[in-house]
Amino acid sequence: MQDSTPYAVGIDVGGTKTHLRAVAGDEDVVDHVRGSAGWRPHDPGAAADWLAALVADALPPHVRPSALAVGGHACETPRQCAGIRAALQERLGVPALVVGDAELLVPAAGLDKGVGLVAGTGSVAVGRLPDGAAVQVGGWGAVLGDEGGAAGLVREAARAVWAAHDRGEEPDALAAGLVAAFGVAEVPALGAALEAATDVSAEWGRRSPAVFDAAEAGSPLARAVIADGGRALAGLVVRLAARGVPVDDVVVAGGTVLAQPALYEAFTSALAESLPGARPQPLRVPPVEGALALARSLR
């Protein structure tokens, strides 16, 4: 027998973990966390199948959602999100909404408009124009972009160390930290170690603590890399503002920027210089709360 209680379901599909939360009224019914293995956002049918299976596994037997909202990692364009949404509605037969995972931050903070900025392994900023059209900047991956994210910081740290090596300078704390983190014998060997990564973002990103440790040890190179990363994150917000996105409120999330005060301070200082009216705030609740807020809006 089908349970007729209306269950709003929110899902935050991150790069490594997925968080599903279902509520009936104001009462939490399900809080489920699992890995994101198998998430294929560039294949709408496969993504919808993955989400439908997740809902079936997580919800109690005989329960169907009354509305579902998903923030999906690597959902990069409105067309891509719309394709997953259409396939998901076809499978579940309930109102659904699919957005990029960074779009969960503003509603999670209880705001109607603003910028969501994520700096974890990578970096991206999103917002909406006054007409409701979504705008995303950044998020181009560790090889070419993601400045201010963990992997981008490691890439820029390696570049700084190589440049110092070319100038004939003795290795400092940043060079020593990267050499140790990648398990190589000397600075010139860092290039091969970086290029050998099979998952560039993850393998570079997990070495980012070496950058912050070197900064605390007094490395001018590391401190410059962090300062540049903060300016790059502020630059994402500046780009959104230039395109007409309201940037009065900037909600910040991500395991790198929120765990590293030096990077957060570099970001907020640069933002204050570029956009004095913008109000940055760290997100204090799980992003899945934003998915729940969006799901409730569909009912």
Protein backbone atom coordinates (compact mmCIF):
# COMPACT_ATOMS: atom_id res chain seq x y z
CA MET A 1 0.00 0.00 0.00
CA GLN A 2 1.37 3.39 -1.00
CA ASP A 3 2.03 5.91 1.78
CA SER A 4 0.07 9.08 0.90
CA THR A 5 2.18 11.35 3.14
CA PRO A 6 3.87 14.02 0.97
CA TYR A 7 7.63 13.55 1.14
CA ALA A 8 9.83 16.34 -0.18
CA VAL A 9 13.18 14.92 -1.23
CA GLY A 10 16.39 16.85 -1.71
CA ILE A 11 19.59 15.37 -3.11
CA ASP A 12 23.08 16.87 -3.17
CA VAL A 13 25.26 14.85 -5.55
CA GLY A 14 28.83 15.89 -4.85
CA GLY A 15 32.04 14.84 -6.53
CA THR A 16 32.74 12.17 -3.91
CA LYS A 17 29.62 11.78 -1.77
CA THR A 18 25.87 12.12 -2.20
CA HIS A 19 23.49 13.33 0.52
CA LEU A 20 19.74 12.60 0.32
CA ARG A 21 17.32 14.03 2.83
CA ALA A 22 13.54 13.50 2.86
CA VAL A 23 11.07 15.33 5.05
CA ALA A 24 7.36 15.03 5.75
CA GLY A 25 6.18 18.43 6.89
CA ASP A 26 8.88 19.63 9.26
CA GLU A 27 9.97 16.15 10.32
CA ASP A 28 13.08 14.47 8.92
CA VAL A 29 12.20 11.03 7.62
CA VAL A 30 15.41 10.00 5.87
CA ASP A 31 18.99 11.26 6.06
CA HIS A 32 21.13 9.12 3.78
CA VAL A 33 24.75 9.56 2.69
CA ARG A 34 26.56 7.37 0.17
CA GLY A 35 29.32 7.61 -2.40
CA SER A 36 28.82 9.23 -5.79
CA ALA A 37 30.37 6.39 -7.80
CA GLY A 38 28.41 5.79 -10.97
CA TRP A 39 27.07 9.35 -11.28
CA ARG A 40 27.15 10.20 -15.02
CA PRO A 41 25.66 13.68 -15.46
CA HIS A 42 26.53 13.92 -19.15
CA ASP A 43 24.22 10.98 -19.91
CA PRO A 44 20.69 12.15 -18.93
CA GLY A 45 19.18 8.68 -18.99
CA ALA A 46 21.95 7.12 -16.92
CA ALA A 47 21.85 10.03 -14.45
CA ALA A 48 18.07 9.70 -14.06
CA ASP A 49 18.35 5.94 -13.55
CA TRP A 50 21.03 6.50 -10.89
CA LEU A 51 18.89 9.05 -9.05
CA ALA A 52 15.73 6.93 -9.26
CA ALA A 53 17.62 3.94 -7.84
CA LEU A 54 19.00 6.13 -5.04
CA VAL A 55 15.50 7.30 -4.13
CA ALA A 56 14.17 3.74 -4.16
CA ASP A 57 17.02 2.52 -1.94
CA ALA A 58 16.86 5.40 0.54
CA LEU A 59 13.13 5.88 1.10
CA PRO A 60 11.06 3.48 3.22
CA PRO A 61 9.11 0.79 1.35
CA HIS A 62 5.86 1.95 -0.31
CA VAL A 63 6.93 5.62 -0.12
CA ARG A 64 7.16 7.90 -3.14
CA PRO A 65 8.39 11.49 -3.15
CA SER A 66 5.85 14.21 -3.79
CA ALA A 67 8.58 16.49 -5.17
CA LEU A 68 12.28 16.08 -5.79
CA ALA A 69 15.12 18.55 -6.28
CA VAL A 70 18.69 17.63 -7.14
CA GLY A 71 21.91 19.60 -7.07
CA GLY A 72 24.27 17.64 -9.28
CA HIS A 73 28.04 17.79 -9.48
CA ALA A 74 29.17 18.54 -13.06
CA CYS A 75 25.69 19.62 -14.19
CA GLU A 76 27.23 22.49 -16.08
CA THR A 77 24.58 23.85 -18.46
CA PRO A 78 20.82 24.48 -18.36
CA ARG A 79 20.37 22.08 -21.27
CA GLN A 80 22.18 19.29 -19.42
CA CYS A 81 20.15 19.85 -16.24
CA ALA A 82 16.89 19.99 -18.20
CA GLY A 83 17.68 16.67 -19.86
CA ILE A 84 18.21 14.94 -16.54
CA ARG A 85 15.09 16.57 -15.12
CA ALA A 86 12.90 15.39 -18.00
CA ALA A 87 14.23 11.83 -17.74
CA LEU A 88 13.81 11.82 -13.96
CA GLN A 89 10.21 13.07 -14.12
CA GLU A 90 9.45 10.37 -16.66
CA ARG A 91 10.77 7.68 -14.30
CA LEU A 92 9.26 8.94 -11.05
CA GLY A 93 6.14 10.77 -12.22
CA VAL A 94 6.56 13.62 -9.74
CA PRO A 95 7.63 17.28 -10.07
CA ALA A 96 11.42 17.49 -10.21
CA LEU A 97 14.14 20.10 -10.54
CA VAL A 98 17.80 19.55 -11.39
CA VAL A 99 20.46 22.23 -10.98
CA GLY A 100 24.21 22.35 -10.53
CA ASP A 101 25.30 21.51 -6.99
CA ALA A 102 26.61 25.03 -6.36
CA GLU A 103 23.07 26.35 -6.88
CA LEU A 104 22.03 24.73 -3.62
CA LEU A 105 24.04 27.16 -1.49
CA VAL A 106 21.83 30.25 -1.77
CA PRO A 107 18.55 28.49 -0.88
CA ALA A 108 20.38 26.50 1.82
CA ALA A 109 21.30 29.83 3.42
CA GLY A 110 17.64 30.88 3.37
CA LEU A 111 18.14 33.46 0.61
CA ASP A 112 16.12 34.09 -2.54
CA LYS A 113 19.01 35.42 -4.59
CA GLY A 114 22.76 35.76 -4.48
CA VAL A 115 25.91 33.91 -5.45
CA GLY A 116 26.93 30.40 -4.51
CA LEU A 117 30.71 30.00 -4.43
CA VAL A 118 32.33 26.61 -3.95
CA ALA A 119 36.04 26.08 -3.39
CA GLY A 120 36.73 22.47 -2.54
CA THR A 121 38.81 20.28 -4.82
CA GLY A 122 37.77 22.64 -7.62
CA SER A 123 36.10 26.04 -7.71
CA VAL A 124 32.97 27.46 -9.28
CA ALA A 125 30.51 30.30 -8.75
CA VAL A 126 26.87 30.45 -9.80
CA GLY A 127 24.04 32.94 -9.72
CA ARG A 128 20.91 33.95 -11.56
CA LEU A 129 20.04 36.96 -13.66
CA PRO A 130 16.98 39.03 -12.71
CA ASP A 131 14.99 37.08 -15.32
CA GLY A 132 15.89 33.79 -13.60
CA ALA A 133 18.47 32.57 -16.12
CA ALA A 134 21.32 30.66 -14.49
CA VAL A 135 24.92 31.82 -14.94
CA GLN A 136 27.97 29.75 -14.01
CA VAL A 137 31.60 30.85 -14.09
CA GLY A 138 34.70 28.82 -13.36
CA GLY A 139 34.67 25.10 -12.76
CA TRP A 140 36.89 24.29 -15.74
CA GLY A 141 38.93 21.55 -14.09
CA ALA A 142 42.35 21.39 -12.52
CA VAL A 143 44.39 21.36 -15.73
CA LEU A 144 43.09 24.69 -17.06
CA GLY A 145 41.12 26.31 -14.26
CA ASP A 146 39.69 25.77 -10.77
CA GLU A 147 41.82 28.58 -9.38
CA GLY A 148 41.49 28.79 -5.62
CA GLY A 149 40.38 25.17 -5.31
CA ALA A 150 42.69 22.57 -3.78
CA ALA A 151 43.92 21.14 -7.08
CA GLY A 152 44.41 24.58 -8.63
CA LEU A 153 46.42 25.72 -5.63
CA VAL A 154 48.73 22.72 -5.97
CA ARG A 155 49.18 23.41 -9.68
CA GLU A 156 50.07 27.05 -9.02
CA ALA A 157 52.34 26.06 -6.13
CA ALA A 158 54.26 23.74 -8.44
CA ARG A 159 54.61 26.54 -10.99
CA ALA A 160 55.92 28.88 -8.29
CA VAL A 161 58.44 26.30 -7.11
CA TRP A 162 59.65 25.64 -10.65
CA ALA A 163 60.06 29.35 -11.30
CA ALA A 164 62.11 29.70 -8.10
CA HIS A 165 64.23 26.74 -9.17
CA ASP A 166 64.84 28.37 -12.56
CA ARG A 167 65.96 31.53 -10.78
CA GLY A 168 68.57 29.51 -8.93
CA GLU A 169 66.94 29.88 -5.52
CA GLU A 170 67.35 27.29 -2.80
CA PRO A 171 64.23 25.16 -2.19
CA ASP A 172 62.04 26.69 0.52
CA ALA A 173 59.32 25.15 2.68
CA LEU A 174 56.87 25.02 -0.24
CA ALA A 175 59.33 23.12 -2.43
CA ALA A 176 60.12 20.74 0.40
CA GLY A 177 56.44 20.19 1.12
CA LEU A 178 55.53 19.42 -2.49
CA VAL A 179 58.52 17.12 -2.96
CA ALA A 180 57.47 15.18 0.14
CA ALA A 181 53.77 15.18 -0.76
CA PHE A 182 54.42 13.71 -4.21
CA GLY A 183 57.13 11.34 -2.99
CA VAL A 184 59.85 12.53 -5.36
CA ALA A 185 63.50 13.28 -4.76
CA GLU A 186 63.78 16.85 -6.02
CA VAL A 187 61.92 19.78 -7.55
CA PRO A 188 62.50 18.88 -11.24
CA ALA A 189 60.78 15.54 -10.66
CA LEU A 190 57.51 17.21 -9.69
CA GLY A 191 56.49 17.60 -13.33
CA ALA A 192 56.44 13.87 -14.02
CA ALA A 193 54.63 13.24 -10.73
CA LEU A 194 51.86 15.70 -11.58
CA GLU A 195 51.51 14.38 -15.10
CA ALA A 196 51.28 10.79 -13.88
CA ALA A 197 48.01 11.47 -12.07
CA THR A 198 45.11 9.42 -13.41
CA ASP A 199 42.52 11.53 -11.55
CA VAL A 200 44.11 14.95 -11.75
CA SER A 201 41.69 16.86 -9.55
CA ALA A 202 41.64 14.32 -6.74
CA GLU A 203 45.33 13.43 -6.80
CA TRP A 204 46.56 17.01 -7.00
CA GLY A 205 43.92 18.30 -4.60
CA ARG A 206 44.78 15.97 -1.75
CA ARG A 207 48.29 17.46 -1.67
CA SER A 208 46.97 20.97 -0.95
CA PRO A 209 47.70 20.82 2.81
CA ALA A 210 51.38 21.09 1.84
CA VAL A 211 50.71 24.59 0.49
CA PHE A 212 49.04 25.80 3.68
CA ASP A 213 51.65 24.12 5.90
CA ALA A 214 54.40 25.89 3.96
CA ALA A 215 52.64 29.22 4.35
CA GLU A 216 52.45 28.71 8.10
CA ALA A 217 56.15 27.85 8.06
CA GLY A 218 56.85 31.24 6.50
CA SER A 219 57.18 30.45 2.78
CA PRO A 220 56.64 33.66 0.76
CA LEU A 221 55.93 31.51 -2.30
CA ALA A 222 53.14 29.62 -0.54
CA ARG A 223 51.64 32.79 0.87
CA ALA A 224 51.62 34.35 -2.60
CA VAL A 225 49.91 31.27 -4.06
CA ILE A 226 47.18 31.47 -1.40
CA ALA A 227 46.72 35.20 -1.89
CA ASP A 228 46.41 34.70 -5.65
CA GLY A 229 43.91 31.89 -5.05
CA GLY A 230 41.77 34.19 -2.90
CA ARG A 231 41.85 36.87 -5.58
CA ALA A 232 40.85 34.31 -8.19
CA LEU A 233 37.83 33.27 -6.13
CA ALA A 234 36.81 36.91 -5.73
CA GLY A 235 37.28 37.26 -9.48
CA LEU A 236 34.57 34.66 -10.08
CA VAL A 237 32.09 36.85 -8.20
CA VAL A 238 33.27 39.91 -10.13
CA ARG A 239 32.57 38.08 -13.41
CA LEU A 240 29.05 37.27 -12.30
CA ALA A 241 28.46 40.89 -11.30
CA ALA A 242 29.69 42.05 -14.72
CA ARG A 243 27.09 39.80 -16.34
CA GLY A 244 24.25 41.29 -14.31
CA VAL A 245 23.91 38.73 -11.52
CA PRO A 246 22.93 40.21 -8.12
CA VAL A 247 25.97 39.71 -5.87
CA ASP A 248 24.85 41.38 -2.65
CA ASP A 249 25.08 38.04 -0.84
CA VAL A 250 27.82 35.48 -1.51
CA VAL A 251 27.34 32.10 0.16
CA VAL A 252 30.61 30.21 0.44
CA ALA A 253 31.08 26.45 0.77
CA GLY A 254 33.73 23.86 0.07
CA GLY A 255 36.15 21.83 2.12
CA THR A 256 39.17 23.89 1.12
CA VAL A 257 38.05 27.48 1.57
CA LEU A 258 36.12 26.85 4.79
CA ALA A 259 38.82 24.66 6.33
CA GLN A 260 41.68 27.05 5.56
CA PRO A 261 41.31 30.49 7.19
CA ALA A 262 44.21 31.90 5.17
CA LEU A 263 42.37 31.24 1.90
CA TYR A 264 39.01 32.47 3.20
CA GLU A 265 40.61 35.68 4.45
CA ALA A 266 42.42 36.19 1.15
CA PHE A 267 39.10 35.76 -0.67
CA THR A 268 37.10 38.11 1.56
CA SER A 269 39.82 40.78 1.44
CA ALA A 270 39.97 40.65 -2.35
CA LEU A 271 36.18 40.70 -2.60
CA ALA A 272 35.96 43.76 -0.34
CA GLU A 273 38.39 45.59 -2.64
CA SER A 274 36.60 44.63 -5.85
CA LEU A 275 32.94 44.64 -4.72
CA PRO A 276 32.63 46.52 -1.42
CA GLY A 277 28.87 45.94 -1.27
CA ALA A 278 29.07 42.16 -1.49
CA ARG A 279 28.45 40.28 1.78
CA PRO A 280 30.29 36.93 1.98
CA GLN A 281 29.07 34.32 4.44
CA PRO A 282 30.14 30.73 5.04
CA LEU A 283 27.40 28.16 4.66
CA ARG A 284 26.60 26.74 8.11
CA VAL A 285 24.22 23.94 7.09
CA PRO A 286 24.59 21.01 4.66
CA PRO A 287 23.95 22.02 1.03
CA VAL A 288 21.23 19.38 0.83
CA GLU A 289 19.07 21.86 2.78
CA GLY A 290 19.06 23.94 -0.38
CA ALA A 291 17.78 20.97 -2.37
CA LEU A 292 14.99 20.50 0.16
CA ALA A 293 14.03 24.17 -0.07
CA LEU A 294 13.82 23.85 -3.86
CA ALA A 295 11.78 20.64 -3.60
CA ARG A 296 9.29 22.33 -1.29
CA SER A 297 8.90 25.14 -3.83
CA LEU A 298 7.71 22.63 -6.44
CA ARG A 299 4.70 21.41 -4.43
